[in-house]
Amino acid sequence: MKGDKLREMQAPLKARYRETPEAALVTLRASGEIGDATLTCKVETGRALVEAGLHPATGGSGLDACSGDMLLEALVACAGVTLKAVATALDLPLRRGVVSAEGDLDFRGTLGVAKDAPVGFRAIRLRFDLDTDASDEQVATLMKLTERYCVVLQTLRAPPDITATHRSNARSGRGAV
């Protein structure tokens, strides 16, 4: 796709969002069903069903997807699509690109072995390997804009307020009379 085609596709959306800002607010949703006999959660991705389970470092078999891996995969996917869209919009030549992410976890925190060990990633490194004839200045602009507009990267850098609620129909131990 060429930059002018991308700009043409996005122009009506940008105009609508400028005129009606509330039209740009979209709620994305995800849900999963907790496994009956396994330590898993089945997540519908829209394209396939992914069964997530424990990482081998916490006792998992390694056969199920790991939510930590899925987080890094979401970051890679978002960064890759954003980079490609920005390169296209700027008409920068990009023969090939590989995006990778790695993150460091201390599973002592996850397993409750050490109270001072954090639960979650300590550090995440995102890397772009690009095959391009673009100048250093163009690549710097590409990277700056990719980082600016990558939703997952920006969410990780500046986390939103997150609430966790529950509903339960647990029996109180009192039967019907």
N, C-alpha and C. Protein backbone atom coordinates (compact mmCIF):
# COMPACT_ATOMS: atom_id res chain seq x y z
N MET A 1 0.84 -1.17 0.00
CA MET A 1 0.00 0.00 0.00
C MET A 1 0.89 1.24 0.00
N LYS A 2 0.45 2.23 -0.70
CA LYS A 2 1.16 3.51 -0.77
C LYS A 2 0.60 4.48 0.27
N GLY A 3 1.41 5.46 0.62
CA GLY A 3 1.02 6.44 1.62
C GLY A 3 -0.24 7.20 1.27
N ASP A 4 -0.40 7.57 -0.01
CA ASP A 4 -1.59 8.32 -0.40
C ASP A 4 -2.86 7.49 -0.23
N LYS A 5 -2.78 6.19 -0.47
CA LYS A 5 -3.93 5.30 -0.30
C LYS A 5 -4.30 5.20 1.19
N LEU A 6 -3.29 5.08 2.06
CA LEU A 6 -3.54 5.03 3.50
C LEU A 6 -4.17 6.34 3.96
N ARG A 7 -3.62 7.46 3.54
CA ARG A 7 -4.17 8.76 3.93
C ARG A 7 -5.60 8.91 3.43
N GLU A 8 -5.88 8.42 2.22
CA GLU A 8 -7.23 8.46 1.66
C GLU A 8 -8.20 7.61 2.49
N MET A 9 -7.75 6.45 2.93
CA MET A 9 -8.59 5.57 3.75
C MET A 9 -8.88 6.19 5.12
N GLN A 10 -7.88 6.87 5.68
CA GLN A 10 -8.02 7.40 7.04
C GLN A 10 -8.64 8.80 7.09
N ALA A 11 -8.63 9.52 5.97
CA ALA A 11 -9.13 10.90 5.95
C ALA A 11 -10.56 11.04 6.48
N PRO A 12 -11.51 10.21 6.02
CA PRO A 12 -12.86 10.37 6.54
C PRO A 12 -12.97 10.08 8.04
N LEU A 13 -12.16 9.12 8.52
CA LEU A 13 -12.16 8.83 9.95
C LEU A 13 -11.63 10.01 10.74
N LYS A 14 -10.51 10.57 10.29
CA LYS A 14 -9.92 11.71 10.99
C LYS A 14 -10.89 12.90 11.00
N ALA A 15 -11.55 13.15 9.87
CA ALA A 15 -12.51 14.26 9.79
C ALA A 15 -13.67 14.03 10.76
N ARG A 16 -14.18 12.81 10.79
CA ARG A 16 -15.29 12.48 11.69
C ARG A 16 -14.88 12.66 13.14
N TYR A 17 -13.69 12.21 13.49
CA TYR A 17 -13.23 12.31 14.87
C TYR A 17 -12.96 13.75 15.27
N ARG A 18 -12.55 14.58 14.32
CA ARG A 18 -12.37 16.02 14.63
C ARG A 18 -13.71 16.68 14.88
N GLU A 19 -14.71 16.34 14.06
CA GLU A 19 -16.04 16.94 14.17
C GLU A 19 -16.83 16.38 15.34
N THR A 20 -16.66 15.10 15.62
CA THR A 20 -17.41 14.42 16.67
C THR A 20 -16.43 13.58 17.50
N PRO A 21 -15.74 14.22 18.44
CA PRO A 21 -14.71 13.51 19.21
C PRO A 21 -15.21 12.25 19.90
N GLU A 22 -16.47 12.25 20.36
CA GLU A 22 -16.98 11.07 21.05
C GLU A 22 -17.07 9.84 20.14
N ALA A 23 -17.10 10.05 18.83
CA ALA A 23 -17.14 8.92 17.89
C ALA A 23 -15.83 8.14 17.90
N ALA A 24 -14.77 8.77 18.37
CA ALA A 24 -13.46 8.10 18.40
C ALA A 24 -13.28 7.22 19.64
N LEU A 25 -14.19 7.32 20.59
CA LEU A 25 -14.09 6.53 21.80
C LEU A 25 -14.72 5.17 21.57
N VAL A 26 -13.91 4.14 21.61
CA VAL A 26 -14.35 2.78 21.34
C VAL A 26 -13.96 1.91 22.54
N THR A 27 -14.85 1.04 22.95
CA THR A 27 -14.55 0.11 24.03
C THR A 27 -14.24 -1.24 23.41
N LEU A 28 -13.01 -1.71 23.62
CA LEU A 28 -12.62 -3.04 23.18
C LEU A 28 -12.91 -4.01 24.31
N ARG A 29 -13.21 -5.24 23.96
CA ARG A 29 -13.55 -6.23 24.97
C ARG A 29 -12.81 -7.54 24.74
N ALA A 30 -12.58 -8.22 25.82
CA ALA A 30 -12.01 -9.57 25.76
C ALA A 30 -12.63 -10.36 26.90
N SER A 31 -12.77 -11.65 26.69
CA SER A 31 -13.27 -12.50 27.77
C SER A 31 -12.67 -13.88 27.62
N GLY A 32 -12.68 -14.61 28.69
CA GLY A 32 -12.16 -15.96 28.68
C GLY A 32 -12.94 -16.82 29.65
N GLU A 33 -12.96 -18.10 29.38
CA GLU A 33 -13.66 -19.04 30.24
C GLU A 33 -12.63 -19.88 30.99
N ILE A 34 -12.78 -19.90 32.29
CA ILE A 34 -11.85 -20.63 33.14
C ILE A 34 -12.06 -22.13 32.94
N GLY A 35 -10.96 -22.87 32.81
CA GLY A 35 -11.01 -24.30 32.58
C GLY A 35 -11.67 -25.05 33.73
N ASP A 36 -12.38 -26.13 33.39
CA ASP A 36 -13.04 -26.95 34.41
C ASP A 36 -12.04 -27.83 35.15
N ALA A 37 -11.32 -28.62 34.39
CA ALA A 37 -10.42 -29.62 35.00
C ALA A 37 -8.95 -29.24 34.86
N THR A 38 -8.66 -28.10 34.25
CA THR A 38 -7.27 -27.70 34.02
C THR A 38 -7.03 -26.30 34.57
N LEU A 39 -5.79 -25.96 34.79
CA LEU A 39 -5.42 -24.61 35.22
C LEU A 39 -5.23 -23.74 33.98
N THR A 40 -6.35 -23.47 33.30
CA THR A 40 -6.30 -22.72 32.05
C THR A 40 -7.43 -21.71 31.99
N CYS A 41 -7.31 -20.82 31.02
CA CYS A 41 -8.37 -19.87 30.69
C CYS A 41 -8.43 -19.81 29.18
N LYS A 42 -9.58 -20.12 28.62
CA LYS A 42 -9.76 -20.13 27.16
C LYS A 42 -10.21 -18.74 26.72
N VAL A 43 -9.38 -18.10 25.89
CA VAL A 43 -9.62 -16.74 25.44
C VAL A 43 -9.97 -16.75 23.96
N GLU A 44 -11.09 -16.14 23.62
CA GLU A 44 -11.50 -16.01 22.23
C GLU A 44 -10.83 -14.76 21.67
N THR A 45 -10.00 -14.95 20.64
CA THR A 45 -9.26 -13.82 20.08
C THR A 45 -9.96 -13.15 18.93
N GLY A 46 -11.06 -13.70 18.47
CA GLY A 46 -11.72 -13.18 17.28
C GLY A 46 -11.32 -13.96 16.05
N ARG A 47 -10.18 -14.60 16.11
CA ARG A 47 -9.69 -15.43 15.00
C ARG A 47 -9.53 -16.88 15.41
N ALA A 48 -9.26 -17.08 16.69
CA ALA A 48 -9.03 -18.44 17.18
C ALA A 48 -9.24 -18.45 18.69
N LEU A 49 -9.37 -19.62 19.23
CA LEU A 49 -9.46 -19.80 20.67
C LEU A 49 -8.06 -20.11 21.18
N VAL A 50 -7.61 -19.34 22.15
CA VAL A 50 -6.29 -19.55 22.74
C VAL A 50 -6.49 -20.03 24.16
N GLU A 51 -5.84 -21.13 24.50
CA GLU A 51 -5.92 -21.64 25.85
C GLU A 51 -4.65 -21.23 26.59
N ALA A 52 -4.83 -20.37 27.57
CA ALA A 52 -3.70 -19.88 28.36
C ALA A 52 -3.58 -20.69 29.63
N GLY A 53 -2.35 -20.93 30.03
CA GLY A 53 -2.10 -21.69 31.25
C GLY A 53 -0.88 -21.17 31.97
N LEU A 54 -0.47 -21.90 32.97
CA LEU A 54 0.70 -21.51 33.75
C LEU A 54 1.98 -21.64 32.93
N HIS A 55 2.88 -20.72 33.16
CA HIS A 55 4.22 -20.79 32.57
C HIS A 55 4.97 -21.94 33.25
N PRO A 56 5.86 -22.62 32.53
CA PRO A 56 6.62 -23.71 33.16
C PRO A 56 7.36 -23.30 34.43
N ALA A 57 7.74 -22.03 34.54
CA ALA A 57 8.44 -21.57 35.74
C ALA A 57 7.52 -21.48 36.95
N THR A 58 6.20 -21.68 36.72
CA THR A 58 5.25 -21.69 37.83
C THR A 58 4.52 -23.03 37.93
N GLY A 59 5.03 -24.02 37.22
CA GLY A 59 4.44 -25.35 37.30
C GLY A 59 3.64 -25.77 36.08
N GLY A 60 3.56 -24.91 35.07
CA GLY A 60 2.82 -25.25 33.86
C GLY A 60 3.58 -26.24 32.99
N SER A 61 2.84 -26.84 32.07
CA SER A 61 3.43 -27.84 31.18
C SER A 61 4.19 -27.22 30.01
N GLY A 62 3.90 -25.97 29.70
CA GLY A 62 4.49 -25.35 28.53
C GLY A 62 3.68 -25.60 27.27
N LEU A 63 2.61 -26.37 27.38
CA LEU A 63 1.77 -26.67 26.22
C LEU A 63 0.74 -25.57 25.96
N ASP A 64 0.39 -24.81 26.99
CA ASP A 64 -0.59 -23.74 26.85
C ASP A 64 0.12 -22.41 26.65
N ALA A 65 -0.61 -21.47 26.09
CA ALA A 65 -0.06 -20.12 25.94
C ALA A 65 0.16 -19.53 27.33
N CYS A 66 1.16 -18.69 27.44
CA CYS A 66 1.45 -18.00 28.70
C CYS A 66 0.99 -16.55 28.55
N SER A 67 0.28 -16.05 29.54
CA SER A 67 -0.23 -14.68 29.44
C SER A 67 0.90 -13.65 29.34
N GLY A 68 2.03 -13.92 29.97
CA GLY A 68 3.18 -13.02 29.84
C GLY A 68 3.68 -12.98 28.41
N ASP A 69 3.76 -14.15 27.78
CA ASP A 69 4.13 -14.20 26.36
C ASP A 69 3.11 -13.46 25.52
N MET A 70 1.82 -13.64 25.86
CA MET A 70 0.76 -12.99 25.10
C MET A 70 0.85 -11.46 25.20
N LEU A 71 1.26 -10.97 26.36
CA LEU A 71 1.45 -9.53 26.54
C LEU A 71 2.55 -9.03 25.61
N LEU A 72 3.67 -9.75 25.60
CA LEU A 72 4.78 -9.37 24.72
C LEU A 72 4.36 -9.50 23.26
N GLU A 73 3.57 -10.52 22.93
CA GLU A 73 3.09 -10.69 21.55
C GLU A 73 2.17 -9.54 21.15
N ALA A 74 1.33 -9.09 22.07
CA ALA A 74 0.47 -7.94 21.79
C ALA A 74 1.30 -6.69 21.54
N LEU A 75 2.36 -6.51 22.31
CA LEU A 75 3.26 -5.37 22.11
C LEU A 75 3.93 -5.44 20.75
N VAL A 76 4.43 -6.61 20.39
CA VAL A 76 5.09 -6.80 19.09
C VAL A 76 4.11 -6.54 17.96
N ALA A 77 2.90 -7.09 18.08
CA ALA A 77 1.89 -6.91 17.03
C ALA A 77 1.55 -5.45 16.85
N CYS A 78 1.29 -4.76 17.94
CA CYS A 78 0.92 -3.35 17.86
C CYS A 78 2.06 -2.51 17.31
N ALA A 79 3.26 -2.74 17.82
CA ALA A 79 4.42 -1.97 17.35
C ALA A 79 4.69 -2.23 15.88
N GLY A 80 4.55 -3.48 15.45
CA GLY A 80 4.78 -3.82 14.05
C GLY A 80 3.78 -3.18 13.11
N VAL A 81 2.51 -3.25 13.47
CA VAL A 81 1.46 -2.65 12.64
C VAL A 81 1.62 -1.14 12.62
N THR A 82 1.90 -0.56 13.79
CA THR A 82 2.07 0.89 13.86
C THR A 82 3.27 1.33 13.03
N LEU A 83 4.38 0.63 13.14
CA LEU A 83 5.57 0.97 12.34
C LEU A 83 5.26 0.90 10.85
N LYS A 84 4.57 -0.15 10.42
CA LYS A 84 4.24 -0.30 9.00
C LYS A 84 3.31 0.81 8.53
N ALA A 85 2.33 1.19 9.36
CA ALA A 85 1.42 2.26 9.00
C ALA A 85 2.16 3.60 8.90
N VAL A 86 3.04 3.86 9.85
CA VAL A 86 3.81 5.11 9.83
C VAL A 86 4.75 5.14 8.63
N ALA A 87 5.45 4.03 8.36
CA ALA A 87 6.35 3.97 7.20
C ALA A 87 5.56 4.20 5.92
N THR A 88 4.37 3.61 5.84
CA THR A 88 3.52 3.78 4.65
C THR A 88 3.08 5.23 4.51
N ALA A 89 2.63 5.83 5.60
CA ALA A 89 2.17 7.22 5.56
C ALA A 89 3.29 8.18 5.17
N LEU A 90 4.51 7.85 5.59
CA LEU A 90 5.67 8.71 5.28
C LEU A 90 6.33 8.34 3.96
N ASP A 91 5.79 7.32 3.29
CA ASP A 91 6.38 6.81 2.04
C ASP A 91 7.85 6.42 2.21
N LEU A 92 8.16 5.79 3.34
CA LEU A 92 9.52 5.33 3.58
C LEU A 92 9.68 3.91 3.05
N PRO A 93 10.74 3.66 2.32
CA PRO A 93 10.95 2.31 1.79
C PRO A 93 11.33 1.34 2.91
N LEU A 94 10.57 0.26 3.01
CA LEU A 94 10.84 -0.75 4.02
C LEU A 94 10.75 -2.11 3.35
N ARG A 95 11.90 -2.70 3.10
CA ARG A 95 11.92 -4.02 2.46
C ARG A 95 11.49 -5.12 3.42
N ARG A 96 11.96 -4.98 4.65
CA ARG A 96 11.67 -6.02 5.64
C ARG A 96 11.83 -5.42 7.03
N GLY A 97 11.05 -5.94 7.95
CA GLY A 97 11.16 -5.50 9.33
C GLY A 97 10.82 -6.65 10.26
N VAL A 98 11.56 -6.75 11.34
CA VAL A 98 11.28 -7.74 12.37
C VAL A 98 11.19 -6.98 13.69
N VAL A 99 10.11 -7.24 14.42
CA VAL A 99 9.92 -6.62 15.72
C VAL A 99 9.99 -7.74 16.75
N SER A 100 10.73 -7.51 17.82
CA SER A 100 10.82 -8.52 18.87
C SER A 100 10.76 -7.83 20.23
N ALA A 101 10.29 -8.59 21.20
CA ALA A 101 10.22 -8.07 22.57
C ALA A 101 10.64 -9.18 23.51
N GLU A 102 11.31 -8.78 24.56
CA GLU A 102 11.64 -9.72 25.62
C GLU A 102 11.44 -9.01 26.94
N GLY A 103 11.05 -9.78 27.93
CA GLY A 103 10.78 -9.20 29.23
C GLY A 103 11.34 -10.07 30.34
N ASP A 104 11.74 -9.44 31.42
CA ASP A 104 12.33 -10.13 32.55
C ASP A 104 11.32 -10.24 33.69
N LEU A 105 11.13 -11.47 34.15
CA LEU A 105 10.23 -11.76 35.26
C LEU A 105 11.00 -12.46 36.36
N ASP A 106 10.63 -12.18 37.60
CA ASP A 106 11.15 -12.90 38.75
C ASP A 106 9.98 -13.69 39.30
N PHE A 107 9.94 -14.98 39.02
CA PHE A 107 8.78 -15.78 39.40
C PHE A 107 8.66 -16.00 40.91
N ARG A 108 9.65 -15.56 41.69
CA ARG A 108 9.49 -15.63 43.14
C ARG A 108 8.31 -14.77 43.58
N GLY A 109 8.11 -13.64 42.88
CA GLY A 109 6.97 -12.77 43.20
C GLY A 109 5.65 -13.43 42.85
N THR A 110 5.57 -14.00 41.66
CA THR A 110 4.34 -14.66 41.21
C THR A 110 3.96 -15.81 42.12
N LEU A 111 4.94 -16.56 42.59
CA LEU A 111 4.67 -17.72 43.44
C LEU A 111 4.61 -17.39 44.93
N GLY A 112 4.81 -16.11 45.28
CA GLY A 112 4.75 -15.71 46.67
C GLY A 112 5.90 -16.22 47.51
N VAL A 113 7.03 -16.47 46.87
CA VAL A 113 8.20 -16.99 47.57
C VAL A 113 8.96 -15.87 48.28
N ALA A 114 8.98 -14.68 47.68
CA ALA A 114 9.69 -13.54 48.27
C ALA A 114 8.82 -12.30 48.14
N LYS A 115 8.46 -11.72 49.29
CA LYS A 115 7.57 -10.55 49.28
C LYS A 115 8.20 -9.35 48.59
N ASP A 116 9.53 -9.28 48.56
CA ASP A 116 10.19 -8.15 47.94
C ASP A 116 10.36 -8.33 46.43
N ALA A 117 10.03 -9.50 45.91
CA ALA A 117 10.14 -9.72 44.47
C ALA A 117 8.85 -9.24 43.81
N PRO A 118 8.97 -8.42 42.77
CA PRO A 118 7.77 -7.89 42.12
C PRO A 118 7.00 -8.99 41.38
N VAL A 119 5.70 -8.79 41.29
CA VAL A 119 4.87 -9.63 40.45
C VAL A 119 4.72 -8.86 39.14
N GLY A 120 5.15 -9.44 38.08
CA GLY A 120 5.09 -8.75 36.78
C GLY A 120 6.48 -8.52 36.23
N PHE A 121 6.49 -7.95 35.04
CA PHE A 121 7.75 -7.70 34.35
C PHE A 121 8.55 -6.62 35.05
N ARG A 122 9.84 -6.88 35.22
CA ARG A 122 10.77 -5.87 35.75
C ARG A 122 11.22 -4.94 34.63
N ALA A 123 11.41 -5.52 33.46
CA ALA A 123 11.88 -4.74 32.31
C ALA A 123 11.38 -5.41 31.03
N ILE A 124 11.10 -4.59 30.05
CA ILE A 124 10.72 -5.08 28.72
C ILE A 124 11.58 -4.34 27.71
N ARG A 125 12.12 -5.10 26.78
CA ARG A 125 12.93 -4.51 25.72
C ARG A 125 12.25 -4.79 24.38
N LEU A 126 12.01 -3.73 23.63
CA LEU A 126 11.37 -3.80 22.32
C LEU A 126 12.43 -3.45 21.28
N ARG A 127 12.54 -4.29 20.25
CA ARG A 127 13.59 -4.10 19.25
C ARG A 127 13.01 -4.16 17.85
N PHE A 128 13.51 -3.29 17.00
CA PHE A 128 13.12 -3.23 15.59
C PHE A 128 14.37 -3.46 14.74
N ASP A 129 14.34 -4.47 13.90
CA ASP A 129 15.41 -4.71 12.94
C ASP A 129 14.83 -4.40 11.56
N LEU A 130 15.33 -3.34 10.94
CA LEU A 130 14.74 -2.84 9.70
C LEU A 130 15.72 -2.94 8.53
N ASP A 131 15.19 -3.36 7.40
CA ASP A 131 15.94 -3.36 6.15
C ASP A 131 15.33 -2.26 5.29
N THR A 132 16.01 -1.13 5.23
CA THR A 132 15.47 0.04 4.56
C THR A 132 16.59 0.90 3.98
N ASP A 133 16.25 1.65 2.96
CA ASP A 133 17.18 2.63 2.41
C ASP A 133 16.92 4.02 2.97
N ALA A 134 16.01 4.12 3.92
CA ALA A 134 15.69 5.41 4.53
C ALA A 134 16.93 5.97 5.22
N SER A 135 17.00 7.30 5.26
CA SER A 135 18.13 7.96 5.93
C SER A 135 18.01 7.79 7.44
N ASP A 136 19.10 8.07 8.15
CA ASP A 136 19.09 7.98 9.62
C ASP A 136 18.02 8.91 10.19
N GLU A 137 17.87 10.08 9.60
CA GLU A 137 16.87 11.05 10.06
C GLU A 137 15.46 10.51 9.84
N GLN A 138 15.23 9.89 8.70
CA GLN A 138 13.91 9.31 8.42
C GLN A 138 13.60 8.15 9.37
N VAL A 139 14.59 7.32 9.63
CA VAL A 139 14.38 6.20 10.56
C VAL A 139 14.11 6.73 11.96
N ALA A 140 14.81 7.80 12.37
CA ALA A 140 14.56 8.40 13.68
C ALA A 140 13.12 8.90 13.78
N THR A 141 12.64 9.53 12.72
CA THR A 141 11.25 10.00 12.69
C THR A 141 10.28 8.82 12.73
N LEU A 142 10.59 7.79 11.97
CA LEU A 142 9.77 6.57 11.96
C LEU A 142 9.66 5.98 13.36
N MET A 143 10.77 5.87 14.04
CA MET A 143 10.77 5.28 15.38
C MET A 143 10.03 6.18 16.37
N LYS A 144 10.27 7.46 16.30
CA LYS A 144 9.60 8.41 17.20
C LYS A 144 8.09 8.32 17.05
N LEU A 145 7.60 8.30 15.82
CA LEU A 145 6.17 8.24 15.58
C LEU A 145 5.59 6.86 15.91
N THR A 146 6.35 5.82 15.66
CA THR A 146 5.90 4.48 16.02
C THR A 146 5.70 4.38 17.53
N GLU A 147 6.66 4.84 18.28
CA GLU A 147 6.54 4.81 19.74
C GLU A 147 5.37 5.68 20.21
N ARG A 148 5.20 6.82 19.59
CA ARG A 148 4.13 7.75 19.99
C ARG A 148 2.74 7.16 19.76
N TYR A 149 2.56 6.43 18.65
CA TYR A 149 1.22 5.97 18.27
C TYR A 149 0.94 4.50 18.54
N CYS A 150 1.88 3.78 19.11
CA CYS A 150 1.65 2.36 19.44
C CYS A 150 0.83 2.29 20.73
N VAL A 151 -0.41 1.85 20.60
CA VAL A 151 -1.34 1.81 21.73
C VAL A 151 -0.82 0.95 22.88
N VAL A 152 -0.34 -0.24 22.58
CA VAL A 152 0.12 -1.13 23.65
C VAL A 152 1.36 -0.57 24.34
N LEU A 153 2.30 -0.05 23.58
CA LEU A 153 3.50 0.54 24.17
C LEU A 153 3.13 1.71 25.08
N GLN A 154 2.27 2.59 24.60
CA GLN A 154 1.88 3.75 25.41
C GLN A 154 1.09 3.32 26.65
N THR A 155 0.29 2.28 26.53
CA THR A 155 -0.46 1.77 27.68
C THR A 155 0.48 1.21 28.74
N LEU A 156 1.52 0.50 28.30
CA LEU A 156 2.50 -0.04 29.25
C LEU A 156 3.31 1.08 29.89
N ARG A 157 3.62 2.10 29.13
CA ARG A 157 4.43 3.21 29.67
C ARG A 157 3.63 4.09 30.63
N ALA A 158 2.37 4.28 30.35
CA ALA A 158 1.51 5.12 31.20
C ALA A 158 0.23 4.34 31.48
N PRO A 159 0.28 3.42 32.43
CA PRO A 159 -0.86 2.53 32.65
C PRO A 159 -2.14 3.29 32.99
N PRO A 160 -3.26 2.82 32.46
CA PRO A 160 -4.54 3.44 32.78
C PRO A 160 -5.01 2.99 34.17
N ASP A 161 -6.03 3.65 34.67
CA ASP A 161 -6.66 3.17 35.90
C ASP A 161 -7.33 1.84 35.55
N ILE A 162 -7.10 0.85 36.37
CA ILE A 162 -7.68 -0.47 36.15
C ILE A 162 -8.48 -0.85 37.39
N THR A 163 -9.69 -1.29 37.17
CA THR A 163 -10.50 -1.79 38.27
C THR A 163 -10.72 -3.27 38.07
N ALA A 164 -10.86 -3.97 39.16
CA ALA A 164 -11.18 -5.39 39.12
C ALA A 164 -12.42 -5.60 39.99
N THR A 165 -13.45 -6.15 39.42
CA THR A 165 -14.68 -6.40 40.15
C THR A 165 -15.03 -7.88 40.04
N HIS A 166 -16.00 -8.29 40.80
CA HIS A 166 -16.45 -9.68 40.68
C HIS A 166 -17.95 -9.77 40.95
N ARG A 167 -18.53 -10.79 40.42
CA ARG A 167 -19.90 -11.17 40.73
C ARG A 167 -19.84 -12.63 41.12
N SER A 168 -20.64 -12.99 42.07
CA SER A 168 -20.62 -14.37 42.52
C SER A 168 -22.04 -14.81 42.85
N ASN A 169 -22.34 -16.02 42.50
CA ASN A 169 -23.62 -16.59 42.92
C ASN A 169 -23.36 -17.73 43.89
N ALA A 170 -22.29 -17.57 44.68
CA ALA A 170 -21.92 -18.59 45.64
C ALA A 170 -23.04 -18.81 46.63
N ARG A 171 -23.21 -20.02 47.00
CA ARG A 171 -24.27 -20.37 47.96
C ARG A 171 -23.81 -19.94 49.36
N SER A 172 -24.71 -19.41 50.10
CA SER A 172 -24.39 -18.93 51.43
C SER A 172 -24.40 -20.04 52.48
N GLY A 173 -24.77 -21.22 52.06
CA GLY A 173 -24.85 -22.32 53.03
C GLY A 173 -26.25 -22.47 53.57
N ARG A 174 -27.12 -21.52 53.24
CA ARG A 174 -28.50 -21.61 53.67
C ARG A 174 -29.34 -22.15 52.54
N GLY A 175 -30.00 -23.20 52.74
CA GLY A 175 -30.86 -23.80 51.74
C GLY A 175 -32.26 -23.21 51.79
N ALA A 176 -33.01 -23.46 50.75
CA ALA A 176 -34.40 -22.99 50.72
C ALA A 176 -35.22 -23.80 51.73
N VAL A 177 -36.12 -23.13 52.37
CA VAL A 177 -36.97 -23.78 53.38
C VAL A 177 -38.26 -24.24 52.75
